[in-house]
Amino acid sequence: MAKWENKANQERAAIFKALGHTLRLAILDELQNGECCVQDLMEKLDCEQSNLSRHLAVLKQTGIIDCRKDGLYVYYSLAIPCISNIFKCVNQVIAKRIEANQEISKQL
């Protein structure tokens, strides 16, 4: 096994893979506002329960979100609220790319 194929990098890759879908990012955006049940997420994100459940399972499997059952409802929350720091960092990268593209456009 190559040095870069260590367990830490494998775990990081799994987490980034879980973050690699727009619906999963939208779910995390909603959960940053607090715990939410599946029905509320379906309404807010305008998606089918089967699709939503599949994506929630990916996020739960990687440890990004937690869930709890209360009667007939399942509520989801961020297991690691610091995930918003990753979003802030990515937003800075996006802003830098936009700025660089604007500079390139000015030169054309």
N, C-alpha and C. Protein backbone atom coordinates (compact mmCIF):
# COMPACT_ATOMS: atom_id res chain seq x y z
N MET A 1 0.85 -1.18 0.00
CA MET A 1 0.00 0.00 0.00
C MET A 1 0.89 1.24 0.00
N ALA A 2 0.59 2.16 -0.89
CA ALA A 2 1.33 3.42 -0.95
C ALA A 2 1.04 4.26 0.28
N LYS A 3 1.99 5.13 0.64
CA LYS A 3 1.83 5.97 1.84
C LYS A 3 0.57 6.81 1.79
N TRP A 4 0.23 7.29 0.60
CA TRP A 4 -0.94 8.16 0.49
C TRP A 4 -2.25 7.38 0.60
N GLU A 5 -2.20 6.05 0.55
CA GLU A 5 -3.40 5.21 0.67
C GLU A 5 -3.67 4.80 2.12
N ASN A 6 -3.34 5.66 3.06
CA ASN A 6 -3.53 5.30 4.46
C ASN A 6 -5.00 5.41 4.86
N LYS A 7 -5.31 4.90 6.03
CA LYS A 7 -6.70 4.85 6.52
C LYS A 7 -7.30 6.25 6.64
N ALA A 8 -6.52 7.23 7.10
CA ALA A 8 -7.04 8.59 7.25
C ALA A 8 -7.49 9.15 5.90
N ASN A 9 -6.67 8.95 4.87
CA ASN A 9 -7.04 9.46 3.54
C ASN A 9 -8.24 8.71 2.97
N GLN A 10 -8.35 7.43 3.26
CA GLN A 10 -9.51 6.66 2.81
C GLN A 10 -10.78 7.18 3.47
N GLU A 11 -10.70 7.47 4.77
CA GLU A 11 -11.87 8.01 5.48
C GLU A 11 -12.24 9.40 4.97
N ARG A 12 -11.23 10.24 4.73
CA ARG A 12 -11.49 11.58 4.17
C ARG A 12 -12.17 11.47 2.81
N ALA A 13 -11.67 10.57 1.99
CA ALA A 13 -12.25 10.39 0.66
C ALA A 13 -13.71 9.96 0.75
N ALA A 14 -14.03 9.09 1.70
CA ALA A 14 -15.42 8.64 1.88
C ALA A 14 -16.32 9.82 2.27
N ILE A 15 -15.80 10.68 3.13
CA ILE A 15 -16.58 11.85 3.55
C ILE A 15 -16.77 12.81 2.38
N PHE A 16 -15.71 13.09 1.64
CA PHE A 16 -15.85 13.99 0.49
C PHE A 16 -16.76 13.38 -0.58
N LYS A 17 -16.72 12.06 -0.72
CA LYS A 17 -17.63 11.41 -1.67
C LYS A 17 -19.08 11.61 -1.20
N ALA A 18 -19.32 11.50 0.09
CA ALA A 18 -20.67 11.71 0.62
C ALA A 18 -21.13 13.15 0.39
N LEU A 19 -20.19 14.08 0.39
CA LEU A 19 -20.53 15.49 0.15
C LEU A 19 -20.65 15.81 -1.33
N GLY A 20 -20.39 14.83 -2.18
CA GLY A 20 -20.32 15.06 -3.61
C GLY A 20 -21.63 14.97 -4.37
N HIS A 21 -22.73 15.32 -3.74
CA HIS A 21 -24.02 15.33 -4.43
C HIS A 21 -24.81 16.56 -3.99
N THR A 22 -25.43 17.22 -4.95
CA THR A 22 -26.12 18.48 -4.63
C THR A 22 -27.27 18.30 -3.64
N LEU A 23 -28.00 17.19 -3.71
CA LEU A 23 -29.09 16.99 -2.75
C LEU A 23 -28.53 16.80 -1.34
N ARG A 24 -27.43 16.07 -1.22
CA ARG A 24 -26.85 15.88 0.12
C ARG A 24 -26.35 17.21 0.67
N LEU A 25 -25.80 18.06 -0.18
CA LEU A 25 -25.38 19.39 0.28
C LEU A 25 -26.58 20.22 0.71
N ALA A 26 -27.69 20.11 -0.02
CA ALA A 26 -28.91 20.83 0.34
C ALA A 26 -29.46 20.33 1.68
N ILE A 27 -29.39 19.03 1.91
CA ILE A 27 -29.82 18.45 3.19
C ILE A 27 -29.00 19.06 4.32
N LEU A 28 -27.69 19.10 4.13
CA LEU A 28 -26.82 19.65 5.17
C LEU A 28 -27.08 21.13 5.39
N ASP A 29 -27.38 21.87 4.32
CA ASP A 29 -27.74 23.28 4.47
C ASP A 29 -28.96 23.42 5.37
N GLU A 30 -29.96 22.58 5.14
CA GLU A 30 -31.18 22.63 5.96
C GLU A 30 -30.89 22.25 7.41
N LEU A 31 -30.07 21.23 7.61
CA LEU A 31 -29.79 20.76 8.96
C LEU A 31 -28.90 21.73 9.75
N GLN A 32 -28.24 22.65 9.05
CA GLN A 32 -27.48 23.67 9.77
C GLN A 32 -28.41 24.57 10.58
N ASN A 33 -29.68 24.62 10.18
CA ASN A 33 -30.68 25.42 10.89
C ASN A 33 -31.28 24.67 12.08
N GLY A 34 -30.92 23.41 12.24
CA GLY A 34 -31.42 22.62 13.36
C GLY A 34 -32.03 21.31 12.88
N GLU A 35 -32.42 20.51 13.85
CA GLU A 35 -32.99 19.19 13.60
C GLU A 35 -34.22 19.30 12.70
N CYS A 36 -34.41 18.29 11.86
CA CYS A 36 -35.51 18.32 10.91
C CYS A 36 -36.02 16.90 10.68
N CYS A 37 -37.33 16.74 10.55
CA CYS A 37 -37.87 15.41 10.25
C CYS A 37 -37.91 15.20 8.74
N VAL A 38 -38.03 13.96 8.33
CA VAL A 38 -37.99 13.60 6.93
C VAL A 38 -39.08 14.34 6.14
N GLN A 39 -40.29 14.41 6.71
CA GLN A 39 -41.39 15.07 6.01
C GLN A 39 -41.08 16.53 5.74
N ASP A 40 -40.49 17.21 6.71
CA ASP A 40 -40.12 18.62 6.52
C ASP A 40 -39.04 18.76 5.45
N LEU A 41 -38.05 17.87 5.49
CA LEU A 41 -36.99 17.90 4.47
C LEU A 41 -37.57 17.66 3.08
N MET A 42 -38.54 16.74 2.97
CA MET A 42 -39.16 16.47 1.68
C MET A 42 -39.82 17.74 1.13
N GLU A 43 -40.52 18.45 1.98
CA GLU A 43 -41.20 19.68 1.56
C GLU A 43 -40.20 20.77 1.19
N LYS A 44 -39.22 20.98 2.06
CA LYS A 44 -38.25 22.05 1.84
C LYS A 44 -37.40 21.82 0.60
N LEU A 45 -37.09 20.55 0.32
CA LEU A 45 -36.19 20.23 -0.78
C LEU A 45 -36.93 19.74 -2.02
N ASP A 46 -38.24 19.60 -1.91
CA ASP A 46 -39.08 19.18 -3.03
C ASP A 46 -38.54 17.89 -3.67
N CYS A 47 -38.46 16.85 -2.83
CA CYS A 47 -37.98 15.57 -3.35
C CYS A 47 -38.80 14.43 -2.76
N GLU A 48 -38.72 13.29 -3.42
CA GLU A 48 -39.45 12.10 -3.00
C GLU A 48 -38.78 11.46 -1.79
N GLN A 49 -39.59 10.80 -0.97
CA GLN A 49 -39.07 10.18 0.25
C GLN A 49 -38.01 9.13 -0.05
N SER A 50 -38.21 8.32 -1.08
CA SER A 50 -37.23 7.25 -1.37
C SER A 50 -35.87 7.85 -1.74
N ASN A 51 -35.89 8.91 -2.54
CA ASN A 51 -34.65 9.58 -2.94
C ASN A 51 -33.97 10.22 -1.73
N LEU A 52 -34.77 10.92 -0.94
CA LEU A 52 -34.25 11.58 0.25
C LEU A 52 -33.66 10.56 1.23
N SER A 53 -34.37 9.48 1.45
CA SER A 53 -33.91 8.46 2.39
C SER A 53 -32.58 7.85 1.97
N ARG A 54 -32.42 7.65 0.68
CA ARG A 54 -31.17 7.09 0.16
C ARG A 54 -30.00 8.03 0.47
N HIS A 55 -30.21 9.32 0.26
CA HIS A 55 -29.14 10.29 0.50
C HIS A 55 -28.90 10.50 2.00
N LEU A 56 -29.95 10.45 2.80
CA LEU A 56 -29.78 10.54 4.25
C LEU A 56 -28.95 9.36 4.76
N ALA A 57 -29.18 8.19 4.19
CA ALA A 57 -28.43 6.99 4.61
C ALA A 57 -26.94 7.15 4.33
N VAL A 58 -26.59 7.74 3.19
CA VAL A 58 -25.17 7.96 2.86
C VAL A 58 -24.54 8.89 3.88
N LEU A 59 -25.24 9.98 4.21
CA LEU A 59 -24.71 10.95 5.18
C LEU A 59 -24.60 10.33 6.57
N LYS A 60 -25.57 9.50 6.93
CA LYS A 60 -25.54 8.85 8.24
C LYS A 60 -24.43 7.81 8.31
N GLN A 61 -24.24 7.06 7.24
CA GLN A 61 -23.21 6.02 7.20
C GLN A 61 -21.81 6.61 7.38
N THR A 62 -21.59 7.81 6.89
CA THR A 62 -20.28 8.43 7.02
C THR A 62 -20.13 9.20 8.34
N GLY A 63 -21.19 9.26 9.13
CA GLY A 63 -21.11 9.91 10.44
C GLY A 63 -21.31 11.42 10.40
N ILE A 64 -21.78 11.94 9.28
CA ILE A 64 -21.98 13.38 9.16
C ILE A 64 -23.27 13.81 9.85
N ILE A 65 -24.29 12.94 9.80
CA ILE A 65 -25.56 13.26 10.46
C ILE A 65 -25.94 12.15 11.44
N ASP A 66 -26.82 12.49 12.37
CA ASP A 66 -27.41 11.54 13.31
C ASP A 66 -28.91 11.54 13.09
N CYS A 67 -29.58 10.52 13.61
CA CYS A 67 -31.03 10.52 13.56
C CYS A 67 -31.58 9.95 14.86
N ARG A 68 -32.82 10.33 15.11
CA ARG A 68 -33.53 9.78 16.26
C ARG A 68 -34.98 9.58 15.85
N LYS A 69 -35.61 8.58 16.40
CA LYS A 69 -37.00 8.29 16.08
C LYS A 69 -37.89 8.76 17.23
N ASP A 70 -38.97 9.42 16.87
CA ASP A 70 -39.95 9.89 17.85
C ASP A 70 -41.32 9.51 17.32
N GLY A 71 -41.86 8.39 17.80
CA GLY A 71 -43.13 7.90 17.28
C GLY A 71 -42.96 7.45 15.84
N LEU A 72 -43.77 8.03 14.96
CA LEU A 72 -43.70 7.68 13.54
C LEU A 72 -42.69 8.51 12.76
N TYR A 73 -42.12 9.51 13.41
CA TYR A 73 -41.23 10.44 12.72
C TYR A 73 -39.76 10.16 13.02
N VAL A 74 -38.93 10.38 12.00
CA VAL A 74 -37.48 10.26 12.16
C VAL A 74 -36.92 11.67 11.98
N TYR A 75 -36.13 12.10 12.97
CA TYR A 75 -35.53 13.43 12.95
C TYR A 75 -34.04 13.31 12.70
N TYR A 76 -33.53 14.18 11.85
CA TYR A 76 -32.11 14.19 11.51
C TYR A 76 -31.47 15.47 11.99
N SER A 77 -30.20 15.37 12.36
CA SER A 77 -29.43 16.53 12.79
C SER A 77 -27.97 16.33 12.40
N LEU A 78 -27.22 17.41 12.42
CA LEU A 78 -25.80 17.31 12.13
C LEU A 78 -25.10 16.63 13.28
N ALA A 79 -24.33 15.61 13.00
CA ALA A 79 -23.54 14.94 14.03
C ALA A 79 -22.30 15.77 14.35
N ILE A 80 -21.84 16.49 13.34
CA ILE A 80 -20.65 17.33 13.50
C ILE A 80 -20.97 18.73 12.94
N PRO A 81 -21.44 19.63 13.79
CA PRO A 81 -21.80 20.97 13.32
C PRO A 81 -20.65 21.71 12.62
N CYS A 82 -19.42 21.31 12.86
CA CYS A 82 -18.29 21.98 12.22
C CYS A 82 -18.26 21.75 10.71
N ILE A 83 -19.17 20.94 10.18
CA ILE A 83 -19.24 20.73 8.73
C ILE A 83 -19.43 22.07 8.02
N SER A 84 -20.07 23.04 8.71
CA SER A 84 -20.27 24.36 8.09
C SER A 84 -18.93 25.04 7.81
N ASN A 85 -17.89 24.69 8.56
CA ASN A 85 -16.56 25.25 8.28
C ASN A 85 -16.06 24.80 6.91
N ILE A 86 -16.36 23.57 6.54
CA ILE A 86 -15.97 23.09 5.22
C ILE A 86 -16.69 23.91 4.15
N PHE A 87 -17.98 24.18 4.38
CA PHE A 87 -18.75 24.97 3.41
C PHE A 87 -18.19 26.38 3.30
N LYS A 88 -17.79 26.97 4.41
CA LYS A 88 -17.21 28.32 4.37
C LYS A 88 -15.92 28.30 3.55
N CYS A 89 -15.11 27.30 3.75
CA CYS A 89 -13.85 27.17 3.02
C CYS A 89 -14.12 27.01 1.52
N VAL A 90 -15.06 26.14 1.18
CA VAL A 90 -15.39 25.91 -0.23
C VAL A 90 -15.94 27.20 -0.85
N ASN A 91 -16.74 27.94 -0.11
CA ASN A 91 -17.28 29.20 -0.62
C ASN A 91 -16.16 30.19 -0.91
N GLN A 92 -15.11 30.19 -0.10
CA GLN A 92 -13.96 31.06 -0.35
C GLN A 92 -13.23 30.64 -1.63
N VAL A 93 -13.12 29.35 -1.86
CA VAL A 93 -12.50 28.86 -3.09
C VAL A 93 -13.33 29.30 -4.29
N ILE A 94 -14.65 29.17 -4.19
CA ILE A 94 -15.55 29.58 -5.28
C ILE A 94 -15.39 31.07 -5.55
N ALA A 95 -15.37 31.88 -4.49
CA ALA A 95 -15.22 33.33 -4.65
C ALA A 95 -13.90 33.66 -5.34
N LYS A 96 -12.84 32.95 -4.97
CA LYS A 96 -11.53 33.19 -5.58
C LYS A 96 -11.55 32.81 -7.07
N ARG A 97 -12.21 31.71 -7.40
CA ARG A 97 -12.31 31.29 -8.80
C ARG A 97 -13.10 32.31 -9.61
N ILE A 98 -14.19 32.83 -9.04
CA ILE A 98 -15.00 33.84 -9.73
C ILE A 98 -14.16 35.09 -9.98
N GLU A 99 -13.44 35.49 -8.96
CA GLU A 99 -12.58 36.67 -9.08
C GLU A 99 -11.52 36.46 -10.17
N ALA A 100 -10.90 35.30 -10.18
CA ALA A 100 -9.88 35.00 -11.18
C ALA A 100 -10.48 34.99 -12.58
N ASN A 101 -11.67 34.44 -12.72
CA ASN A 101 -12.33 34.40 -14.03
C ASN A 101 -12.69 35.80 -14.50
N GLN A 102 -13.07 36.67 -13.56
CA GLN A 102 -13.39 38.05 -13.93
C GLN A 102 -12.13 38.77 -14.41
N GLU A 103 -11.00 38.49 -13.76
CA GLU A 103 -9.74 39.10 -14.18
C GLU A 103 -9.36 38.62 -15.58
N ILE A 104 -9.55 37.32 -15.84
CA ILE A 104 -9.25 36.77 -17.16
C ILE A 104 -10.17 37.42 -18.20
N SER A 105 -11.45 37.58 -17.88
CA SER A 105 -12.41 38.18 -18.81
C SER A 105 -12.03 39.62 -19.15
N LYS A 106 -11.51 40.36 -18.17
CA LYS A 106 -11.10 41.75 -18.41
C LYS A 106 -9.94 41.81 -19.38
N GLN A 107 -9.09 40.78 -19.36
CA GLN A 107 -7.91 40.77 -20.22
C GLN A 107 -8.24 40.39 -21.66
N LEU A 108 -9.40 39.80 -21.87
CA LEU A 108 -9.76 39.35 -23.24
C LEU A 108 -10.28 40.47 -24.08
